[in-house]
Protein backbone atom coordinates (compact mmCIF):
# COMPACT_ATOMS: atom_id res chain seq x y z
CA UNK A 1 0.00 0.00 0.00
CA UNK A 2 1.52 3.28 -1.07
CA UNK A 3 -0.74 5.57 0.97
CA UNK A 4 -2.10 5.10 4.46
CA UNK A 5 -5.90 5.10 4.43
CA UNK A 6 -7.77 7.82 6.34
CA UNK A 7 -9.24 5.20 8.66
CA UNK A 8 -7.25 2.27 10.00
CA UNK A 9 -9.21 -0.75 11.26
CA UNK A 10 -8.72 -2.26 14.69
CA UNK A 11 -7.26 -5.34 13.01
CA UNK A 12 -4.71 -3.12 11.24
CA UNK A 13 -3.86 -1.41 14.54
CA UNK A 14 -3.32 -4.79 16.21
CA UNK A 15 -1.05 -5.90 13.36
CA UNK A 16 0.94 -2.64 13.50
CA UNK A 17 1.29 -3.13 17.26
CA UNK A 18 2.68 -6.62 16.69
CA UNK A 19 5.11 -5.41 14.02
CA UNK A 20 6.23 -2.58 16.30
CA UNK A 21 6.77 -4.99 19.21
CA UNK A 22 8.80 -7.42 17.10
CA UNK A 23 11.04 -4.69 15.76
CA UNK A 24 11.40 -2.90 19.10
CA UNK A 25 12.48 -6.16 20.74
CA UNK A 26 14.87 -6.93 17.86
CA UNK A 27 16.40 -3.44 18.10
CA UNK A 28 16.93 -3.76 21.87
CA UNK A 29 18.39 -7.26 21.46
CA UNK A 30 20.82 -6.15 18.75
CA UNK A 31 21.86 -3.15 20.86
CA UNK A 32 22.51 -5.44 23.81
CA UNK A 33 24.61 -7.91 21.82
CA UNK A 34 26.52 -5.07 20.15
CA UNK A 35 27.91 -4.22 23.59
CA UNK A 36 28.62 -7.86 24.47
CA UNK A 37 30.55 -8.77 21.29
CA UNK A 38 34.27 -8.42 20.98
CA UNK A 39 34.74 -8.72 17.21
CA UNK A 40 34.42 -5.30 15.57
CA UNK A 41 32.80 -6.60 12.38
CA UNK A 42 30.03 -8.26 14.39
CA UNK A 43 29.61 -5.17 16.56
CA UNK A 44 29.14 -3.05 13.44
CA UNK A 45 26.60 -5.50 11.99
CA UNK A 46 24.62 -5.48 15.26
CA UNK A 47 24.69 -1.68 15.21
CA UNK A 48 23.32 -1.67 11.65
CA UNK A 49 20.60 -4.18 12.54
CA UNK A 50 19.56 -2.21 15.63
CA UNK A 51 19.32 0.94 13.52
CA UNK A 52 17.26 -0.83 10.84
CA UNK A 53 14.75 -2.15 13.38
CA UNK A 54 14.54 1.27 15.07
CA UNK A 55 13.79 2.88 11.70
CA UNK A 56 10.92 0.45 11.16
CA UNK A 57 9.55 1.40 14.59
CA UNK A 58 9.80 5.06 13.68
CA UNK A 59 7.99 4.44 10.41
CA UNK A 60 5.12 2.74 12.27
CA UNK A 61 4.89 5.71 14.65
CA UNK A 62 4.84 8.00 11.61
CA UNK A 63 1.99 5.99 10.06
CA UNK A 64 -0.02 6.21 13.26
CA UNK A 65 0.56 9.94 13.58
PDB file of N, CA and C in Angstrom:
ATOM      1  N   UNK A   1       0.838  -1.164   0.000  1.00  0.00           N
ATOM      2  CA  UNK A   1       0.000   0.000   0.000  1.00  0.00           C
ATOM      3  C   UNK A   1       0.888   1.233   0.000  1.00  0.00           C
ATOM      4  N   UNK A   2       0.676   2.104  -0.934  1.00  0.00           N
ATOM      5  CA  UNK A   2       1.524   3.283  -1.068  1.00  0.00           C
ATOM      6  C   UNK A   2       1.079   4.428  -0.173  1.00  0.00           C
ATOM      7  N   UNK A   3      -0.222   4.479   0.158  1.00  0.00           N
ATOM      8  CA  UNK A   3      -0.743   5.570   0.970  1.00  0.00           C
ATOM      9  C   UNK A   3      -1.562   4.985   2.121  1.00  0.00           C
ATOM     10  N   UNK A   4      -1.361   5.553   3.299  1.00  0.00           N
ATOM     11  CA  UNK A   4      -2.105   5.102   4.464  1.00  0.00           C
ATOM     12  C   UNK A   4      -3.544   5.589   4.339  1.00  0.00           C
ATOM     13  N   UNK A   5      -4.509   4.680   4.526  1.00  0.00           N
ATOM     14  CA  UNK A   5      -5.903   5.105   4.433  1.00  0.00           C
ATOM     15  C   UNK A   5      -6.263   6.070   5.565  1.00  0.00           C
ATOM     16  N   UNK A   6      -7.329   6.846   5.340  1.00  0.00           N
ATOM     17  CA  UNK A   6      -7.766   7.816   6.343  1.00  0.00           C
ATOM     18  C   UNK A   6      -8.154   7.108   7.636  1.00  0.00           C
ATOM     19  N   UNK A   7      -8.812   5.972   7.494  1.00  0.00           N
ATOM     20  CA  UNK A   7      -9.237   5.205   8.664  1.00  0.00           C
ATOM     21  C   UNK A   7      -8.498   3.863   8.695  1.00  0.00           C
ATOM     22  N   UNK A   8      -7.953   3.540   9.839  1.00  0.00           N
ATOM     23  CA  UNK A   8      -7.245   2.270  10.003  1.00  0.00           C
ATOM     24  C   UNK A   8      -8.107   1.388  10.909  1.00  0.00           C
ATOM     25  N   UNK A   9      -8.353   0.162  10.484  1.00  0.00           N
ATOM     26  CA  UNK A   9      -9.212  -0.748  11.257  1.00  0.00           C
ATOM     27  C   UNK A   9      -8.515  -1.211  12.535  1.00  0.00           C
ATOM     28  N   UNK A  10      -9.299  -1.743  13.449  1.00  0.00           N
ATOM     29  CA  UNK A  10      -8.722  -2.263  14.695  1.00  0.00           C
ATOM     30  C   UNK A  10      -7.801  -3.445  14.419  1.00  0.00           C
ATOM     31  N   UNK A  11      -8.129  -4.221  13.388  1.00  0.00           N
ATOM     32  CA  UNK A  11      -7.264  -5.343  13.009  1.00  0.00           C
ATOM     33  C   UNK A  11      -5.912  -4.819  12.510  1.00  0.00           C
ATOM     34  N   UNK A  12      -5.949  -3.732  11.717  1.00  0.00           N
ATOM     35  CA  UNK A  12      -4.710  -3.118  11.239  1.00  0.00           C
ATOM     36  C   UNK A  12      -3.882  -2.578  12.405  1.00  0.00           C
ATOM     37  N   UNK A  13      -4.553  -1.946  13.364  1.00  0.00           N
ATOM     38  CA  UNK A  13      -3.858  -1.411  14.539  1.00  0.00           C
ATOM     39  C   UNK A  13      -3.181  -2.539  15.318  1.00  0.00           C
ATOM     40  N   UNK A  14      -3.893  -3.643  15.487  1.00  0.00           N
ATOM     41  CA  UNK A  14      -3.323  -4.792  16.206  1.00  0.00           C
ATOM     42  C   UNK A  14      -2.104  -5.333  15.470  1.00  0.00           C
ATOM     43  N   UNK A  15      -2.180  -5.396  14.139  1.00  0.00           N
ATOM     44  CA  UNK A  15      -1.055  -5.896  13.363  1.00  0.00           C
ATOM     45  C   UNK A  15       0.130  -4.933  13.456  1.00  0.00           C
ATOM     46  N   UNK A  16      -0.134  -3.625  13.373  1.00  0.00           N
ATOM     47  CA  UNK A  16       0.941  -2.637  13.498  1.00  0.00           C
ATOM     48  C   UNK A  16       1.582  -2.718  14.886  1.00  0.00           C
ATOM     49  N   UNK A  17       0.768  -2.964  15.902  1.00  0.00           N
ATOM     50  CA  UNK A  17       1.295  -3.127  17.265  1.00  0.00           C
ATOM     51  C   UNK A  17       2.237  -4.326  17.323  1.00  0.00           C
ATOM     52  N   UNK A  18       1.825  -5.432  16.716  1.00  0.00           N
ATOM     53  CA  UNK A  18       2.683  -6.624  16.692  1.00  0.00           C
ATOM     54  C   UNK A  18       3.994  -6.345  15.964  1.00  0.00           C
ATOM     55  N   UNK A  19       3.899  -5.722  14.798  1.00  0.00           N
ATOM     56  CA  UNK A  19       5.114  -5.408  14.025  1.00  0.00           C
ATOM     57  C   UNK A  19       6.036  -4.510  14.836  1.00  0.00           C
ATOM     58  N   UNK A  20       5.435  -3.496  15.481  1.00  0.00           N
ATOM     59  CA  UNK A  20       6.234  -2.585  16.303  1.00  0.00           C
ATOM     60  C   UNK A  20       6.933  -3.360  17.417  1.00  0.00           C
ATOM     61  N   UNK A  21       6.199  -4.223  18.109  1.00  0.00           N
ATOM     62  CA  UNK A  21       6.769  -4.995  19.212  1.00  0.00           C
ATOM     63  C   UNK A  21       7.921  -5.877  18.752  1.00  0.00           C
ATOM     64  N   UNK A  22       7.739  -6.554  17.625  1.00  0.00           N
ATOM     65  CA  UNK A  22       8.796  -7.421  17.098  1.00  0.00           C
ATOM     66  C   UNK A  22      10.059  -6.621  16.808  1.00  0.00           C
ATOM     67  N   UNK A  23       9.881  -5.493  16.146  1.00  0.00           N
ATOM     68  CA  UNK A  23      11.039  -4.685  15.756  1.00  0.00           C
ATOM     69  C   UNK A  23      11.671  -3.974  16.939  1.00  0.00           C
ATOM     70  N   UNK A  24      10.867  -3.532  17.897  1.00  0.00           N
ATOM     71  CA  UNK A  24      11.401  -2.899  19.098  1.00  0.00           C
ATOM     72  C   UNK A  24      12.258  -3.895  19.879  1.00  0.00           C
ATOM     73  N   UNK A  25      11.738  -5.108  20.039  1.00  0.00           N
ATOM     74  CA  UNK A  25      12.482  -6.160  20.738  1.00  0.00           C
ATOM     75  C   UNK A  25      13.769  -6.509  19.990  1.00  0.00           C
ATOM     76  N   UNK A  26      13.677  -6.611  18.666  1.00  0.00           N
ATOM     77  CA  UNK A  26      14.866  -6.930  17.864  1.00  0.00           C
ATOM     78  C   UNK A  26      15.910  -5.821  17.984  1.00  0.00           C
ATOM     79  N   UNK A  27      15.468  -4.561  17.975  1.00  0.00           N
ATOM     80  CA  UNK A  27      16.398  -3.439  18.101  1.00  0.00           C
ATOM     81  C   UNK A  27      17.100  -3.462  19.459  1.00  0.00           C
ATOM     82  N   UNK A  28      16.335  -3.684  20.531  1.00  0.00           N
ATOM     83  CA  UNK A  28      16.926  -3.757  21.868  1.00  0.00           C
ATOM     84  C   UNK A  28      17.899  -4.927  21.975  1.00  0.00           C
ATOM     85  N   UNK A  29      17.530  -6.070  21.404  1.00  0.00           N
ATOM     86  CA  UNK A  29      18.392  -7.260  21.463  1.00  0.00           C
ATOM     87  C   UNK A  29      19.702  -7.017  20.719  1.00  0.00           C
ATOM     88  N   UNK A  30      19.599  -6.441  19.527  1.00  0.00           N
ATOM     89  CA  UNK A  30      20.817  -6.149  18.752  1.00  0.00           C
ATOM     90  C   UNK A  30      21.703  -5.146  19.485  1.00  0.00           C
ATOM     91  N   UNK A  31      21.086  -4.139  20.097  1.00  0.00           N
ATOM     92  CA  UNK A  31      21.862  -3.151  20.860  1.00  0.00           C
ATOM     93  C   UNK A  31      22.577  -3.807  22.035  1.00  0.00           C
ATOM     94  N   UNK A  32      21.899  -4.719  22.687  1.00  0.00           N
ATOM     95  CA  UNK A  32      22.513  -5.437  23.812  1.00  0.00           C
ATOM     96  C   UNK A  32      23.715  -6.263  23.343  1.00  0.00           C
ATOM     97  N   UNK A  33      23.525  -7.049  22.278  1.00  0.00           N
ATOM     98  CA  UNK A  33      24.613  -7.914  21.822  1.00  0.00           C
ATOM     99  C   UNK A  33      25.756  -7.129  21.199  1.00  0.00           C
ATOM    100  N   UNK A  34      25.458  -5.942  20.683  1.00  0.00           N
ATOM    101  CA  UNK A  34      26.518  -5.072  20.155  1.00  0.00           C
ATOM    102  C   UNK A  34      27.527  -4.766  21.260  1.00  0.00           C
ATOM    103  N   UNK A  35      27.047  -4.532  22.456  1.00  0.00           N
ATOM    104  CA  UNK A  35      27.906  -4.224  23.590  1.00  0.00           C
ATOM    105  C   UNK A  35      28.674  -5.471  24.053  1.00  0.00           C
ATOM    106  N   UNK A  36      28.026  -6.619  23.966  1.00  0.00           N
ATOM    107  CA  UNK A  36      28.615  -7.861  24.466  1.00  0.00           C
ATOM    108  C   UNK A  36      29.693  -8.446  23.549  1.00  0.00           C
ATOM    109  N   UNK A  37      29.627  -8.149  22.260  1.00  0.00           N
ATOM    110  CA  UNK A  37      30.547  -8.770  21.294  1.00  0.00           C
ATOM    111  C   UNK A  37      31.916  -8.121  21.334  1.00  0.00           C
ATOM    112  N   UNK A  38      32.902  -8.919  21.000  1.00  0.00           N
ATOM    113  CA  UNK A  38      34.273  -8.423  20.976  1.00  0.00           C
ATOM    114  C   UNK A  38      34.761  -8.139  19.559  1.00  0.00           C
ATOM    115  N   UNK A  39      34.292  -8.892  18.591  1.00  0.00           N
ATOM    116  CA  UNK A  39      34.744  -8.718  17.207  1.00  0.00           C
ATOM    117  C   UNK A  39      34.079  -7.475  16.602  1.00  0.00           C
ATOM    118  N   UNK A  40      34.912  -6.585  16.085  1.00  0.00           N
ATOM    119  CA  UNK A  40      34.425  -5.295  15.573  1.00  0.00           C
ATOM    120  C   UNK A  40      33.448  -5.441  14.404  1.00  0.00           C
ATOM    121  N   UNK A  41      33.690  -6.403  13.525  1.00  0.00           N
ATOM    122  CA  UNK A  41      32.803  -6.602  12.375  1.00  0.00           C
ATOM    123  C   UNK A  41      31.392  -6.994  12.837  1.00  0.00           C
ATOM    124  N   UNK A  42      31.327  -7.846  13.854  1.00  0.00           N
ATOM    125  CA  UNK A  42      30.030  -8.257  14.394  1.00  0.00           C
ATOM    126  C   UNK A  42      29.359  -7.117  15.150  1.00  0.00           C
ATOM    127  N   UNK A  43      30.150  -6.332  15.872  1.00  0.00           N
ATOM    128  CA  UNK A  43      29.605  -5.168  16.563  1.00  0.00           C
ATOM    129  C   UNK A  43      28.965  -4.206  15.572  1.00  0.00           C
ATOM    130  N   UNK A  44      29.649  -3.971  14.467  1.00  0.00           N
ATOM    131  CA  UNK A  44      29.136  -3.048  13.442  1.00  0.00           C
ATOM    132  C   UNK A  44      27.854  -3.593  12.823  1.00  0.00           C
ATOM    133  N   UNK A  45      27.804  -4.888  12.564  1.00  0.00           N
ATOM    134  CA  UNK A  45      26.596  -5.502  11.995  1.00  0.00           C
ATOM    135  C   UNK A  45      25.425  -5.386  12.969  1.00  0.00           C
ATOM    136  N   UNK A  46      25.678  -5.624  14.252  1.00  0.00           N
ATOM    137  CA  UNK A  46      24.620  -5.482  15.262  1.00  0.00           C
ATOM    138  C   UNK A  46      24.133  -4.034  15.338  1.00  0.00           C
ATOM    139  N   UNK A  47      25.060  -3.099  15.214  1.00  0.00           N
ATOM    140  CA  UNK A  47      24.692  -1.675  15.214  1.00  0.00           C
ATOM    141  C   UNK A  47      23.782  -1.361  14.031  1.00  0.00           C
ATOM    142  N   UNK A  48      24.136  -1.882  12.854  1.00  0.00           N
ATOM    143  CA  UNK A  48      23.316  -1.673  11.654  1.00  0.00           C
ATOM    144  C   UNK A  48      21.929  -2.296  11.808  1.00  0.00           C
ATOM    145  N   UNK A  49      21.881  -3.498  12.350  1.00  0.00           N
ATOM    146  CA  UNK A  49      20.597  -4.179  12.540  1.00  0.00           C
ATOM    147  C   UNK A  49      19.719  -3.442  13.552  1.00  0.00           C
ATOM    148  N   UNK A  50      20.316  -2.971  14.634  1.00  0.00           N
ATOM    149  CA  UNK A  50      19.558  -2.211  15.632  1.00  0.00           C
ATOM    150  C   UNK A  50      18.973  -0.953  15.008  1.00  0.00           C
ATOM    151  N   UNK A  51      19.774  -0.281  14.191  1.00  0.00           N
ATOM    152  CA  UNK A  51      19.315   0.943  13.523  1.00  0.00           C
ATOM    153  C   UNK A  51      18.172   0.635  12.547  1.00  0.00           C
ATOM    154  N   UNK A  52      18.297  -0.450  11.795  1.00  0.00           N
ATOM    155  CA  UNK A  52      17.263  -0.833  10.838  1.00  0.00           C
ATOM    156  C   UNK A  52      15.930  -1.088  11.548  1.00  0.00           C
ATOM    157  N   UNK A  53      15.975  -1.841  12.644  1.00  0.00           N
ATOM    158  CA  UNK A  53      14.751  -2.147  13.380  1.00  0.00           C
ATOM    159  C   UNK A  53      14.163  -0.885  14.021  1.00  0.00           C
ATOM    160  N   UNK A  54      15.011   0.015  14.494  1.00  0.00           N
ATOM    161  CA  UNK A  54      14.537   1.274  15.074  1.00  0.00           C
ATOM    162  C   UNK A  54      13.864   2.133  14.006  1.00  0.00           C
ATOM    163  N   UNK A  55      14.397   2.125  12.787  1.00  0.00           N
ATOM    164  CA  UNK A  55      13.789   2.884  11.696  1.00  0.00           C
ATOM    165  C   UNK A  55      12.401   2.352  11.357  1.00  0.00           C
ATOM    166  N   UNK A  56      12.232   1.044  11.413  1.00  0.00           N
ATOM    167  CA  UNK A  56      10.917   0.452  11.159  1.00  0.00           C
ATOM    168  C   UNK A  56       9.941   0.904  12.244  1.00  0.00           C
ATOM    169  N   UNK A  57      10.389   0.914  13.501  1.00  0.00           N
ATOM    170  CA  UNK A  57       9.549   1.400  14.591  1.00  0.00           C
ATOM    171  C   UNK A  57       9.142   2.847  14.353  1.00  0.00           C
ATOM    172  N   UNK A  58      10.096   3.662  13.948  1.00  0.00           N
ATOM    173  CA  UNK A  58       9.801   5.064  13.676  1.00  0.00           C
ATOM    174  C   UNK A  58       8.807   5.225  12.532  1.00  0.00           C
ATOM    175  N   UNK A  59       8.911   4.393  11.544  1.00  0.00           N
ATOM    176  CA  UNK A  59       7.986   4.441  10.407  1.00  0.00           C
ATOM    177  C   UNK A  59       6.566   4.095  10.864  1.00  0.00           C
ATOM    178  N   UNK A  60       6.444   3.115  11.736  1.00  0.00           N
ATOM    179  CA  UNK A  60       5.120   2.737  12.266  1.00  0.00           C
ATOM    180  C   UNK A  60       4.543   3.902  13.073  1.00  0.00           C
ATOM    181  N   UNK A  61       5.356   4.535  13.882  1.00  0.00           N
ATOM    182  CA  UNK A  61       4.891   5.707  14.650  1.00  0.00           C
ATOM    183  C   UNK A  61       4.447   6.815  13.699  1.00  0.00           C
ATOM    184  N   UNK A  62       5.199   7.006  12.626  1.00  0.00           N
ATOM    185  CA  UNK A  62       4.840   7.999  11.609  1.00  0.00           C
ATOM    186  C   UNK A  62       3.487   7.678  10.965  1.00  0.00           C
ATOM    187  N   UNK A  63       3.259   6.413  10.661  1.00  0.00           N
ATOM    188  CA  UNK A  63       1.995   5.992  10.057  1.00  0.00           C
ATOM    189  C   UNK A  63       0.842   6.291  11.014  1.00  0.00           C
ATOM    190  N   UNK A  64       1.039   6.017  12.284  1.00  0.00           N
ATOM    191  CA  UNK A  64      -0.025   6.205  13.261  1.00  0.00           C
ATOM    192  C   UNK A  64      -0.257   7.677  13.627  1.00  0.00           C
ATOM    193  N   UNK A  65       0.732   8.499  13.314  1.00  0.00           N
ATOM    194  CA  UNK A  65       0.560   9.935  13.577  1.00  0.00           C
ATOM    195  C   UNK A  65      -0.351  10.495  12.560  1.00  0.00           C
TER     196      UNK A  65
END
